[in-house]
Amino acid sequence: MSKPIELGSLKIGSYILLPVSDQPTGEPCRITEYDTSKPGKHGAAKARIVGMGVFDDQKRPHVGPVSMQVHVPLIDKRPGQIIS
């Protein structure tokens, strides 16, 4: 499950589904680097992010306009107790 959100509203530590060639839904990643550029003469502001894969710890860079819609996974955190 995921919800769409603008790329410009994400922060370091957020989770995002970054596109991967062999997965249609994308790979869940945690944002480790986030940088934006100013809008220039020929276009809108751009955001450059680097995400670390949640399952495989691979770096995945992504560049896109700040207004681009990306998918963010819905994460449900619950406290639990381990009984041995």
PDB file of N, CA and C in Angstrom:
ATOM      1  N   MET A   1       0.836  -1.162   0.000  1.00  0.00           N
ATOM      2  CA  MET A   1       0.000   0.000   0.000  1.00  0.00           C
ATOM      3  C   MET A   1       0.893   1.241   0.000  1.00  0.00           C
ATOM      4  N   SER A   2       0.500   2.207  -0.768  1.00  0.00           N
ATOM      5  CA  SER A   2       1.264   3.449  -0.834  1.00  0.00           C
ATOM      6  C   SER A   2       0.321   4.610  -1.130  1.00  0.00           C
ATOM      7  N   LYS A   3       0.823   5.817  -0.903  1.00  0.00           N
ATOM      8  CA  LYS A   3       0.044   7.012  -1.211  1.00  0.00           C
ATOM      9  C   LYS A   3       0.928   7.975  -1.988  1.00  0.00           C
ATOM     10  N   PRO A   4       0.347   8.757  -2.906  1.00  0.00           N
ATOM     11  CA  PRO A   4       1.149   9.724  -3.663  1.00  0.00           C
ATOM     12  C   PRO A   4       1.419  10.976  -2.831  1.00  0.00           C
ATOM     13  N   ILE A   5       2.615  11.529  -3.015  1.00  0.00           N
ATOM     14  CA  ILE A   5       3.022  12.751  -2.324  1.00  0.00           C
ATOM     15  C   ILE A   5       4.024  13.480  -3.214  1.00  0.00           C
ATOM     16  N   GLU A   6       4.143  14.792  -3.058  1.00  0.00           N
ATOM     17  CA  GLU A   6       5.071  15.557  -3.883  1.00  0.00           C
ATOM     18  C   GLU A   6       6.507  15.318  -3.433  1.00  0.00           C
ATOM     19  N   LEU A   7       7.410  15.249  -4.398  1.00  0.00           N
ATOM     20  CA  LEU A   7       8.821  14.989  -4.124  1.00  0.00           C
ATOM     21  C   LEU A   7       9.428  16.078  -3.245  1.00  0.00           C
ATOM     22  N   GLY A   8       8.974  17.313  -3.392  1.00  0.00           N
ATOM     23  CA  GLY A   8       9.525  18.424  -2.632  1.00  0.00           C
ATOM     24  C   GLY A   8       9.191  18.410  -1.153  1.00  0.00           C
ATOM     25  N   SER A   9       8.197  17.633  -0.736  1.00  0.00           N
ATOM     26  CA  SER A   9       7.800  17.619   0.669  1.00  0.00           C
ATOM     27  C   SER A   9       8.487  16.515   1.472  1.00  0.00           C
ATOM     28  N   LEU A  10       9.343  15.720   0.840  1.00  0.00           N
ATOM     29  CA  LEU A  10      10.048  14.654   1.543  1.00  0.00           C
ATOM     30  C   LEU A  10      11.256  15.207   2.286  1.00  0.00           C
ATOM     31  N   LYS A  11      11.710  14.472   3.304  1.00  0.00           N
ATOM     32  CA  LYS A  11      12.861  14.865   4.111  1.00  0.00           C
ATOM     33  C   LYS A  11      13.796  13.671   4.270  1.00  0.00           C
ATOM     34  N   ILE A  12      14.996  13.941   4.770  1.00  0.00           N
ATOM     35  CA  ILE A  12      15.933  12.856   5.064  1.00  0.00           C
ATOM     36  C   ILE A  12      15.323  11.987   6.160  1.00  0.00           C
ATOM     37  N   GLY A  13      15.369  10.681   5.960  1.00  0.00           N
ATOM     38  CA  GLY A  13      14.773   9.737   6.898  1.00  0.00           C
ATOM     39  C   GLY A  13      13.401   9.255   6.477  1.00  0.00           C
ATOM     40  N   SER A  14      12.792   9.914   5.484  1.00  0.00           N
ATOM     41  CA  SER A  14      11.490   9.478   4.971  1.00  0.00           C
ATOM     42  C   SER A  14      11.665   8.227   4.116  1.00  0.00           C
ATOM     43  N   TYR A  15      10.583   7.522   3.901  1.00  0.00           N
ATOM     44  CA  TYR A  15      10.591   6.342   3.040  1.00  0.00           C
ATOM     45  C   TYR A  15       9.916   6.679   1.720  1.00  0.00           C
ATOM     46  N   ILE A  16      10.401   6.056   0.640  1.00  0.00           N
ATOM     47  CA  ILE A  16       9.890   6.318  -0.704  1.00  0.00           C
ATOM     48  C   ILE A  16      10.015   5.041  -1.520  1.00  0.00           C
ATOM     49  N   LEU A  17       9.129   4.871  -2.497  1.00  0.00           N
ATOM     50  CA  LEU A  17       9.228   3.756  -3.437  1.00  0.00           C
ATOM     51  C   LEU A  17       9.929   4.268  -4.689  1.00  0.00           C
ATOM     52  N   LEU A  18      11.203   3.910  -4.856  1.00  0.00           N
ATOM     53  CA  LEU A  18      11.967   4.352  -6.016  1.00  0.00           C
ATOM     54  C   LEU A  18      11.818   3.348  -7.146  1.00  0.00           C
ATOM     55  N   PRO A  19      11.692   3.823  -8.379  1.00  0.00           N
ATOM     56  CA  PRO A  19      11.495   2.916  -9.511  1.00  0.00           C
ATOM     57  C   PRO A  19      12.717   2.034  -9.758  1.00  0.00           C
ATOM     58  N   VAL A  20      12.452   0.755 -10.022  1.00  0.00           N
ATOM     59  CA  VAL A  20      13.481  -0.224 -10.364  1.00  0.00           C
ATOM     60  C   VAL A  20      13.008  -0.930 -11.622  1.00  0.00           C
ATOM     61  N   SER A  21      13.937  -1.276 -12.502  1.00  0.00           N
ATOM     62  CA  SER A  21      13.568  -1.836 -13.807  1.00  0.00           C
ATOM     63  C   SER A  21      12.822  -3.165 -13.704  1.00  0.00           C
ATOM     64  N   ASP A  22      13.141  -4.007 -12.713  1.00  0.00           N
ATOM     65  CA  ASP A  22      12.516  -5.328 -12.655  1.00  0.00           C
ATOM     66  C   ASP A  22      11.296  -5.390 -11.726  1.00  0.00           C
ATOM     67  N   GLN A  23      10.924  -4.274 -11.076  1.00  0.00           N
ATOM     68  CA  GLN A  23       9.753  -4.263 -10.209  1.00  0.00           C
ATOM     69  C   GLN A  23       8.791  -3.161 -10.641  1.00  0.00           C
ATOM     70  N   PRO A  24       7.561  -3.501 -10.941  1.00  0.00           N
ATOM     71  CA  PRO A  24       6.612  -2.470 -11.380  1.00  0.00           C
ATOM     72  C   PRO A  24       6.201  -1.511 -10.257  1.00  0.00           C
ATOM     73  N   THR A  25       6.230  -1.973  -9.000  1.00  0.00           N
ATOM     74  CA  THR A  25       5.794  -1.121  -7.897  1.00  0.00           C
ATOM     75  C   THR A  25       6.913  -0.268  -7.328  1.00  0.00           C
ATOM     76  N   GLY A  26       8.151  -0.623  -7.545  1.00  0.00           N
ATOM     77  CA  GLY A  26       9.276   0.131  -7.006  1.00  0.00           C
ATOM     78  C   GLY A  26       9.858  -0.536  -5.778  1.00  0.00           C
ATOM     79  N   GLU A  27      11.042  -0.082  -5.402  1.00  0.00           N
ATOM     80  CA  GLU A  27      11.762  -0.637  -4.259  1.00  0.00           C
ATOM     81  C   GLU A  27      11.645   0.331  -3.079  1.00  0.00           C
ATOM     82  N   PRO A  28      11.239  -0.153  -1.899  1.00  0.00           N
ATOM     83  CA  PRO A  28      11.166   0.749  -0.749  1.00  0.00           C
ATOM     84  C   PRO A  28      12.567   1.164  -0.307  1.00  0.00           C
ATOM     85  N   CYS A  29      12.766   2.471  -0.150  1.00  0.00           N
ATOM     86  CA  CYS A  29      14.070   3.016   0.219  1.00  0.00           C
ATOM     87  C   CYS A  29      13.893   4.074   1.297  1.00  0.00           C
ATOM     88  N   ARG A  30      14.941   4.243   2.095  1.00  0.00           N
ATOM     89  CA  ARG A  30      14.985   5.307   3.099  1.00  0.00           C
ATOM     90  C   ARG A  30      15.874   6.410   2.555  1.00  0.00           C
ATOM     91  N   ILE A  31      15.416   7.651   2.581  1.00  0.00           N
ATOM     92  CA  ILE A  31      16.158   8.766   2.005  1.00  0.00           C
ATOM     93  C   ILE A  31      17.341   9.107   2.908  1.00  0.00           C
ATOM     94  N   THR A  32      18.559   9.082   2.317  1.00  0.00           N
ATOM     95  CA  THR A  32      19.771   9.409   3.060  1.00  0.00           C
ATOM     96  C   THR A  32      20.357  10.748   2.646  1.00  0.00           C
ATOM     97  N   GLU A  33      20.105  11.180   1.412  1.00  0.00           N
ATOM     98  CA  GLU A  33      20.581  12.478   0.932  1.00  0.00           C
ATOM     99  C   GLU A  33      19.440  13.165   0.191  1.00  0.00           C
ATOM    100  N   TYR A  34      19.326  14.475   0.380  1.00  0.00           N
ATOM    101  CA  TYR A  34      18.272  15.245  -0.277  1.00  0.00           C
ATOM    102  C   TYR A  34      18.825  16.622  -0.597  1.00  0.00           C
ATOM    103  N   ASP A  35      18.735  17.030  -1.859  1.00  0.00           N
ATOM    104  CA  ASP A  35      19.253  18.321  -2.291  1.00  0.00           C
ATOM    105  C   ASP A  35      18.310  18.892  -3.341  1.00  0.00           C
ATOM    106  N   THR A  36      18.063  20.196  -3.268  1.00  0.00           N
ATOM    107  CA  THR A  36      17.214  20.844  -4.265  1.00  0.00           C
ATOM    108  C   THR A  36      17.998  21.936  -4.971  1.00  0.00           C
ATOM    109  N   SER A  37      17.632  22.175  -6.213  1.00  0.00           N
ATOM    110  CA  SER A  37      18.227  23.264  -6.983  1.00  0.00           C
ATOM    111  C   SER A  37      17.172  24.340  -7.192  1.00  0.00           C
ATOM    112  N   LYS A  38      17.615  25.546  -7.416  1.00  0.00           N
ATOM    113  CA  LYS A  38      16.702  26.664  -7.634  1.00  0.00           C
ATOM    114  C   LYS A  38      16.061  26.562  -9.011  1.00  0.00           C
ATOM    115  N   PRO A  39      14.872  27.127  -9.170  1.00  0.00           N
ATOM    116  CA  PRO A  39      14.296  27.178 -10.513  1.00  0.00           C
ATOM    117  C   PRO A  39      15.138  28.102 -11.382  1.00  0.00           C
ATOM    118  N   GLY A  40      15.393  27.655 -12.585  1.00  0.00           N
ATOM    119  CA  GLY A  40      16.237  28.434 -13.482  1.00  0.00           C
ATOM    120  C   GLY A  40      15.460  29.046 -14.623  1.00  0.00           C
ATOM    121  N   LYS A  41      16.202  29.487 -15.598  1.00  0.00           N
ATOM    122  CA  LYS A  41      15.613  30.145 -16.763  1.00  0.00           C
ATOM    123  C   LYS A  41      14.778  29.173 -17.602  1.00  0.00           C
ATOM    124  N   HIS A  42      15.178  27.895 -17.605  1.00  0.00           N
ATOM    125  CA  HIS A  42      14.541  26.925 -18.501  1.00  0.00           C
ATOM    126  C   HIS A  42      13.757  25.839 -17.778  1.00  0.00           C
ATOM    127  N   GLY A  43      13.346  26.060 -16.557  1.00  0.00           N
ATOM    128  CA  GLY A  43      12.560  25.013 -15.932  1.00  0.00           C
ATOM    129  C   GLY A  43      12.354  25.201 -14.446  1.00  0.00           C
ATOM    130  N   ALA A  44      11.636  24.263 -13.879  1.00  0.00           N
ATOM    131  CA  ALA A  44      11.277  24.309 -12.466  1.00  0.00           C
ATOM    132  C   ALA A  44      12.427  23.796 -11.604  1.00  0.00           C
ATOM    133  N   ALA A  45      12.267  23.933 -10.297  1.00  0.00           N
ATOM    134  CA  ALA A  45      13.262  23.442  -9.349  1.00  0.00           C
ATOM    135  C   ALA A  45      13.326  21.919  -9.418  1.00  0.00           C
ATOM    136  N   LYS A  46      14.506  21.376  -9.215  1.00  0.00           N
ATOM    137  CA  LYS A  46      14.725  19.928  -9.250  1.00  0.00           C
ATOM    138  C   LYS A  46      15.133  19.446  -7.861  1.00  0.00           C
ATOM    139  N   ALA A  47      14.773  18.221  -7.553  1.00  0.00           N
ATOM    140  CA  ALA A  47      15.175  17.584  -6.302  1.00  0.00           C
ATOM    141  C   ALA A  47      16.017  16.366  -6.649  1.00  0.00           C
ATOM    142  N   ARG A  48      17.141  16.218  -5.954  1.00  0.00           N
ATOM    143  CA  ARG A  48      18.016  15.062  -6.137  1.00  0.00           C
ATOM    144  C   ARG A  48      18.046  14.317  -4.815  1.00  0.00           C
ATOM    145  N   ILE A  49      17.632  13.049  -4.853  1.00  0.00           N
ATOM    146  CA  ILE A  49      17.626  12.247  -3.638  1.00  0.00           C
ATOM    147  C   ILE A  49      18.438  10.981  -3.854  1.00  0.00           C
ATOM    148  N   VAL A  50      18.967  10.465  -2.761  1.00  0.00           N
ATOM    149  CA  VAL A  50      19.648   9.172  -2.758  1.00  0.00           C
ATOM    150  C   VAL A  50      18.975   8.350  -1.677  1.00  0.00           C
ATOM    151  N   GLY A  51      18.498   7.178  -2.060  1.00  0.00           N
ATOM    152  CA  GLY A  51      17.827   6.298  -1.117  1.00  0.00           C
ATOM    153  C   GLY A  51      18.590   5.004  -0.934  1.00  0.00           C
ATOM    154  N   MET A  52      18.587   4.486   0.283  1.00  0.00           N
ATOM    155  CA  MET A  52      19.182   3.184   0.581  1.00  0.00           C
ATOM    156  C   MET A  52      18.050   2.167   0.630  1.00  0.00           C
ATOM    157  N   GLY A  53      18.209   1.071  -0.121  1.00  0.00           N
ATOM    158  CA  GLY A  53      17.188   0.040  -0.156  1.00  0.00           C
ATOM    159  C   GLY A  53      16.947  -0.563   1.218  1.00  0.00           C
ATOM    160  N   VAL A  54      15.694  -0.757   1.572  1.00  0.00           N
ATOM    161  CA  VAL A  54      15.344  -1.308   2.876  1.00  0.00           C
ATOM    162  C   VAL A  54      15.776  -2.769   2.972  1.00  0.00           C
ATOM    163  N   PHE A  55      15.636  -3.524   1.885  1.00  0.00           N
ATOM    164  CA  PHE A  55      15.914  -4.951   1.924  1.00  0.00           C
ATOM    165  C   PHE A  55      17.332  -5.314   1.502  1.00  0.00           C
ATOM    166  N   ASP A  56      17.959  -4.506   0.620  1.00  0.00           N
ATOM    167  CA  ASP A  56      19.275  -4.889   0.099  1.00  0.00           C
ATOM    168  C   ASP A  56      20.379  -3.860   0.332  1.00  0.00           C
ATOM    169  N   ASP A  57      20.104  -2.737   0.981  1.00  0.00           N
ATOM    170  CA  ASP A  57      21.089  -1.690   1.299  1.00  0.00           C
ATOM    171  C   ASP A  57      21.859  -1.182   0.086  1.00  0.00           C
ATOM    172  N   GLN A  58      21.214  -1.107  -1.068  1.00  0.00           N
ATOM    173  CA  GLN A  58      21.843  -0.538  -2.262  1.00  0.00           C
ATOM    174  C   GLN A  58      21.452   0.926  -2.384  1.00  0.00           C
ATOM    175  N   LYS A  59      22.418   1.752  -2.845  1.00  0.00           N
ATOM    176  CA  LYS A  59      22.127   3.166  -3.082  1.00  0.00           C
ATOM    177  C   LYS A  59      21.365   3.306  -4.387  1.00  0.00           C
ATOM    178  N   ARG A  60      20.302   4.090  -4.351  1.00  0.00           N
ATOM    179  CA  ARG A  60      19.504   4.342  -5.547  1.00  0.00           C
ATOM    180  C   ARG A  60      19.278   5.841  -5.690  1.00  0.00           C
ATOM    181  N   PRO A  61      19.948   6.475  -6.667  1.00  0.00           N
ATOM    182  CA  PRO A  61      19.737   7.914  -6.879  1.00  0.00           C
ATOM    183  C   PRO A  61      18.478   8.172  -7.707  1.00  0.00           C
ATOM    184  N   HIS A  62      17.885   9.338  -7.515  1.00  0.00           N
ATOM    185  CA  HIS A  62      16.694   9.721  -8.272  1.00  0.00           C
ATOM    186  C   HIS A  62      16.663  11.241  -8.388  1.00  0.00           C
ATOM    187  N   VAL A  63      16.390  11.745  -9.586  1.00  0.00           N
ATOM    188  CA  VAL A  63      16.293  13.184  -9.827  1.00  0.00           C
ATOM    189  C   VAL A  63      14.959  13.466 -10.504  1.00  0.00           C
ATOM    190  N   GLY A  64      14.271  14.502 -10.041  1.00  0.00           N
ATOM    191  CA  GLY A  64      13.001  14.865 -10.652  1.00  0.00           C
ATOM    192  C   GLY A  64      12.560  16.242 -10.206  1.00  0.00           C
ATOM    193  N   PRO A  65      11.554  16.795 -10.874  1.00  0.00           N
ATOM    194  CA  PRO A  65      11.033  18.097 -10.462  1.00  0.00           C
ATOM    195  C   PRO A  65      10.407  18.020  -9.067  1.00  0.00           C
ATOM    196  N   VAL A  66      10.476  19.111  -8.343  1.00  0.00           N
ATOM    197  CA  VAL A  66       9.961  19.157  -6.974  1.00  0.00           C
ATOM    198  C   VAL A  66       8.461  18.865  -6.938  1.00  0.00           C
ATOM    199  N   SER A  67       7.736  19.220  -7.983  1.00  0.00           N
ATOM    200  CA  SER A  67       6.284  19.025  -8.011  1.00  0.00           C
ATOM    201  C   SER A  67       5.872  17.624  -8.468  1.00  0.00           C
ATOM    202  N   MET A  68       6.821  16.750  -8.764  1.00  0.00           N
ATOM    203  CA  MET A  68       6.531  15.393  -9.239  1.00  0.00           C
ATOM    204  C   MET A  68       5.876  14.564  -8.129  1.00  0.00           C
ATOM    205  N   GLN A  69       4.879  13.777  -8.499  1.00  0.00           N
ATOM    206  CA  GLN A  69       4.203  12.892  -7.551  1.00  0.00           C
ATOM    207  C   GLN A  69       4.970  11.574  -7.458  1.00  0.00           C
ATOM    208  N   VAL A  70       5.344  11.175  -6.241  1.00  0.00           N
ATOM    209  CA  VAL A  70       6.013   9.896  -5.998  1.00  0.00           C
ATOM    210  C   VAL A  70       5.179   9.119  -4.989  1.00  0.00           C
ATOM    211  N   HIS A  71       5.423   7.821  -4.903  1.00  0.00           N
ATOM    212  CA  HIS A  71       4.678   6.971  -3.982  1.00  0.00           C
ATOM    213  C   HIS A  71       5.480   6.750  -2.706  1.00  0.00           C
ATOM    214  N   VAL A  72       4.780   6.886  -1.584  1.00  0.00           N
ATOM    215  CA  VAL A  72       5.372   6.688  -0.266  1.00  0.00           C
ATOM    216  C   VAL A  72       4.655   5.504   0.375  1.00  0.00           C
ATOM    217  N   PRO A  73       5.410   4.492   0.859  1.00  0.00           N
ATOM    218  CA  PRO A  73       4.745   3.339   1.471  1.00  0.00           C
ATOM    219  C   PRO A  73       4.086   3.722   2.794  1.00  0.00           C
ATOM    220  N   LEU A  74       2.954   3.096   3.068  1.00  0.00           N
ATOM    221  CA  LEU A  74       2.264   3.295   4.344  1.00  0.00           C
ATOM    222  C   LEU A  74       2.876   2.326   5.354  1.00  0.00           C
ATOM    223  N   ILE A  75       3.471   2.861   6.403  1.00  0.00           N
ATOM    224  CA  ILE A  75       4.168   2.045   7.396  1.00  0.00           C
ATOM    225  C   ILE A  75       3.369   2.079   8.686  1.00  0.00           C
ATOM    226  N   ASP A  76       3.039   0.906   9.191  1.00  0.00           N
ATOM    227  CA  ASP A  76       2.280   0.780  10.430  1.00  0.00           C
ATOM    228  C   ASP A  76       3.219   0.215  11.494  1.00  0.00           C
ATOM    229  N   LYS A  77       3.601   1.057  12.452  1.00  0.00           N
ATOM    230  CA  LYS A  77       4.509   0.626  13.520  1.00  0.00           C
ATOM    231  C   LYS A  77       3.684   0.337  14.764  1.00  0.00           C
ATOM    232  N   ARG A  78       3.902  -0.846  15.320  1.00  0.00           N
ATOM    233  CA  ARG A  78       3.180  -1.248  16.524  1.00  0.00           C
ATOM    234  C   ARG A  78       4.168  -1.824  17.530  1.00  0.00           C
ATOM    235  N   PRO A  79       3.959  -1.549  18.807  1.00  0.00           N
ATOM    236  CA  PRO A  79       4.836  -2.161  19.815  1.00  0.00           C
ATOM    237  C   PRO A  79       4.482  -3.633  19.980  1.00  0.00           C
ATOM    238  N   GLY A  80       5.478  -4.416  20.290  1.00  0.00           N
ATOM    239  CA  GLY A  80       5.249  -5.837  20.471  1.00  0.00           C
ATOM    240  C   GLY A  80       6.192  -6.412  21.508  1.00  0.00           C
ATOM    241  N   GLN A  81       5.908  -7.628  21.940  1.00  0.00           N
ATOM    242  CA  GLN A  81       6.734  -8.295  22.922  1.00  0.00           C
ATOM    243  C   GLN A  81       7.098  -9.668  22.390  1.00  0.00           C
ATOM    244  N   ILE A  82       8.381 -10.001  22.506  1.00  0.00           N
ATOM    245  CA  ILE A  82       8.855 -11.306  22.043  1.00  0.00           C
ATOM    246  C   ILE A  82       8.858 -12.263  23.226  1.00  0.00           C
ATOM    247  N   ILE A  83       8.184 -13.382  23.051  1.00  0.00           N
ATOM    248  CA  ILE A  83       8.116 -14.400  24.095  1.00  0.00           C
ATOM    249  C   ILE A  83       8.855 -15.625  23.585  1.00  0.00           C
ATOM    250  N   SER A  84       9.832 -16.078  24.380  1.00  0.00           N
ATOM    251  CA  SER A  84      10.611 -17.241  23.927  1.00  0.00           C
ATOM    252  C   SER A  84      10.101 -18.535  24.503  1.00  0.00           C
TER     253      SER A  84
END
